[in-house]
C-alpha atoms as a PDB file:
ATOM      1  CA  MET A   1      18.166 -22.780  18.167  1.00  0.00           C
ATOM      2  CA  GLU A   2      17.185 -24.795  15.163  1.00  0.00           C
ATOM      3  CA  LEU A   3      14.531 -21.829  14.607  1.00  0.00           C
ATOM      4  CA  SER A   4      17.516 -19.092  15.033  1.00  0.00           C
ATOM      5  CA  LEU A   5      19.614 -20.968  12.476  1.00  0.00           C
ATOM      6  CA  LEU A   6      16.957 -20.998  10.047  1.00  0.00           C
ATOM      7  CA  PHE A   7      16.108 -17.577  10.359  1.00  0.00           C
ATOM      8  CA  LEU A   8      20.117 -16.681   9.920  1.00  0.00           C
ATOM      9  CA  SER A   9      20.230 -18.670   7.051  1.00  0.00           C
ATOM     10  CA  TYR A  10      17.320 -17.049   5.432  1.00  0.00           C
ATOM     11  CA  LEU A  11      18.822 -13.660   5.905  1.00  0.00           C
ATOM     12  CA  THR A  12      21.950 -14.715   4.623  1.00  0.00           C
ATOM     13  CA  THR A  13      20.607 -16.134   1.355  1.00  0.00           C
ATOM     14  CA  ILE A  14      18.247 -13.143   0.667  1.00  0.00           C
ATOM     15  CA  ASN A  15      21.035 -10.640   1.154  1.00  0.00           C
ATOM     16  CA  VAL A  16      23.167 -12.451  -1.098  1.00  0.00           C
ATOM     17  CA  LEU A  17      20.185 -12.763  -3.701  1.00  0.00           C
ATOM     18  CA  LEU A  18      19.666  -9.070  -3.844  1.00  0.00           C
ATOM     19  CA  PHE A  19      23.128  -8.283  -3.831  1.00  0.00           C
ATOM     20  CA  ILE A  20      23.670 -10.483  -7.023  1.00  0.00           C
ATOM     21  CA  LEU A  21      20.989  -9.049  -8.463  1.00  0.00           C
ATOM     22  CA  MET A  22      22.094  -5.731  -8.001  1.00  0.00           C
ATOM     23  CA  GLY A  23      25.205  -6.517  -9.811  1.00  0.00           C
ATOM     24  CA  PHE A  24      22.890  -8.630 -12.619  1.00  0.00           C
ATOM     25  CA  ASP A  25      20.709  -5.737 -13.054  1.00  0.00           C
ATOM     26  CA  LYS A  26      23.808  -3.076 -13.375  1.00  0.00           C
ATOM     27  CA  ARG A  27      25.381  -5.422 -16.176  1.00  0.00           C
ATOM     28  CA  GLN A  28      22.088  -5.373 -17.731  1.00  0.00           C
ATOM     29  CA  ALA A  29      21.787  -1.664 -17.820  1.00  0.00           C
ATOM     30  CA  VAL A  30      25.260  -1.171 -19.056  1.00  0.00           C
ATOM     31  CA  LYS A  31      24.444  -3.247 -22.166  1.00  0.00           C
ATOM     32  CA  ARG A  32      20.846  -1.989 -22.089  1.00  0.00           C
ATOM     33  CA  ASN A  33      19.208  -5.212 -21.871  1.00  0.00           C
ATOM     34  CA  ARG A  34      16.200  -6.451 -20.043  1.00  0.00           C
ATOM     35  CA  ARG A  35      16.202  -5.434 -16.606  1.00  0.00           C
ATOM     36  CA  ILE A  36      14.904  -6.529 -13.009  1.00  0.00           C
ATOM     37  CA  SER A  37      12.372  -4.007 -12.060  1.00  0.00           C
ATOM     38  CA  GLU A  38      12.398  -1.709  -9.087  1.00  0.00           C
ATOM     39  CA  LYS A  39       9.579  -3.132  -7.738  1.00  0.00           C
ATOM     40  CA  ASN A  40      11.327  -6.405  -7.599  1.00  0.00           C
ATOM     41  CA  LEU A  41      14.338  -5.346  -6.014  1.00  0.00           C
ATOM     42  CA  TRP A  42      12.412  -3.132  -3.209  1.00  0.00           C
ATOM     43  CA  LEU A  43      10.154  -6.486  -2.694  1.00  0.00           C
ATOM     44  CA  ILE A  44      13.444  -8.254  -1.996  1.00  0.00           C
ATOM     45  CA  ALA A  45      14.691  -6.041  -0.053  1.00  0.00           C
ATOM     46  CA  TRP A  46      11.284  -5.390   2.228  1.00  0.00           C
ATOM     47  CA  ILE A  47      11.663  -9.169   2.831  1.00  0.00           C
ATOM     48  CA  GLY A  48      14.923  -8.844   4.229  1.00  0.00           C
ATOM     49  CA  GLY A  49      17.594  -8.421   2.127  1.00  0.00           C
ATOM     50  CA  ALA A  50      18.265  -4.392   2.435  1.00  0.00           C
ATOM     51  CA  ALA A  51      21.954  -4.900   3.546  1.00  0.00           C
ATOM     52  CA  GLY A  52      22.709  -6.991   0.720  1.00  0.00           C
ATOM     53  CA  GLY A  53      20.847  -4.532  -1.540  1.00  0.00           C
ATOM     54  CA  TYR A  54      22.804  -1.398  -0.002  1.00  0.00           C
ATOM     55  CA  LEU A  55      25.847  -3.045  -0.347  1.00  0.00           C
ATOM     56  CA  GLY A  56      25.088  -4.040  -3.960  1.00  0.00           C
ATOM     57  CA  MET A  57      23.972  -0.643  -4.682  1.00  0.00           C
ATOM     58  CA  GLU A  58      27.512   0.884  -3.617  1.00  0.00           C
ATOM     59  CA  ILE A  59      30.024  -1.555  -5.065  1.00  0.00           C
ATOM     60  CA  PHE A  60      28.358  -1.803  -8.319  1.00  0.00           C
ATOM     61  CA  ARG A  61      27.524   1.721  -8.293  1.00  0.00           C
ATOM     62  CA  HIS A  62      23.631   1.140  -9.381  1.00  0.00           C
ATOM     63  CA  LYS A  63      20.642   3.186  -8.201  1.00  0.00           C
ATOM     64  CA  THR A  64      22.765   5.539  -6.386  1.00  0.00           C
ATOM     65  CA  LYS A  65      21.257   8.405  -8.384  1.00  0.00           C
ATOM     66  CA  HIS A  66      18.022   7.220  -7.340  1.00  0.00           C
ATOM     67  CA  ARG A  67      16.858   9.214  -4.022  1.00  0.00           C
ATOM     68  CA  SER A  68      14.181   6.403  -3.132  1.00  0.00           C
ATOM     69  CA  PHE A  69      17.467   4.116  -3.125  1.00  0.00           C
ATOM     70  CA  LYS A  70      19.810   6.055  -1.554  1.00  0.00           C
ATOM     71  CA  VAL A  71      17.852   7.048   1.544  1.00  0.00           C
ATOM     72  CA  GLY A  72      15.021   4.210   1.474  1.00  0.00           C
ATOM     73  CA  MET A  73      17.768   1.651   1.858  1.00  0.00           C
ATOM     74  CA  PRO A  74      19.514   2.710   4.960  1.00  0.00           C
ATOM     75  CA  VAL A  75      15.757   3.474   6.496  1.00  0.00           C
ATOM     76  CA  LEU A  76      14.934  -0.043   5.711  1.00  0.00           C
ATOM     77  CA  ILE A  77      18.241  -1.514   7.070  1.00  0.00           C
ATOM     78  CA  ALA A  78      17.741   0.223  10.014  1.00  0.00           C
ATOM     79  CA  ILE A  79      13.947  -1.059  10.793  1.00  0.00           C
ATOM     80  CA  GLN A  80      15.388  -4.479  10.056  1.00  0.00           C
ATOM     81  CA  VAL A  81      17.941  -3.968  12.534  1.00  0.00           C
ATOM     82  CA  ILE A  82      15.545  -2.984  14.973  1.00  0.00           C
ATOM     83  CA  VAL A  83      12.913  -6.124  14.019  1.00  0.00           C
ATOM     84  CA  LEU A  84      16.443  -8.112  14.030  1.00  0.00           C
ATOM     85  CA  LEU A  85      16.930  -6.981  17.884  1.00  0.00           C
ATOM     86  CA  TRP A  86      13.651  -7.450  18.658  1.00  0.00           C
ATOM     87  CA  TYR A  87      13.519 -11.221  17.593  1.00  0.00           C
ATOM     88  CA  VAL A  88      16.859 -11.595  19.241  1.00  0.00           C
ATOM     89  CA  MET A  89      15.474 -10.175  22.782  1.00  0.00           C
ATOM     90  CA  VAL A  90      12.085 -12.179  22.616  1.00  0.00           C
END
């Protein structure tokens, strides 16, 4: 039980983090300031934050013209949901 709560806390934190970073990066783009690299955004998405990244992408209208994000984030969410379901069932 304690491990499940820790895992849920991790997923919540990493998704909120990427959501915030997507908003921050959009703001930096509009201001033409230093940005967060796509590599770092993808890294956070791959370690569990894809849903937060996708939500941030849609709400902030950020990276929506990048095919890798528009297609890749939903695919990554599907993979993460499958892994999560496997984790819950085991």
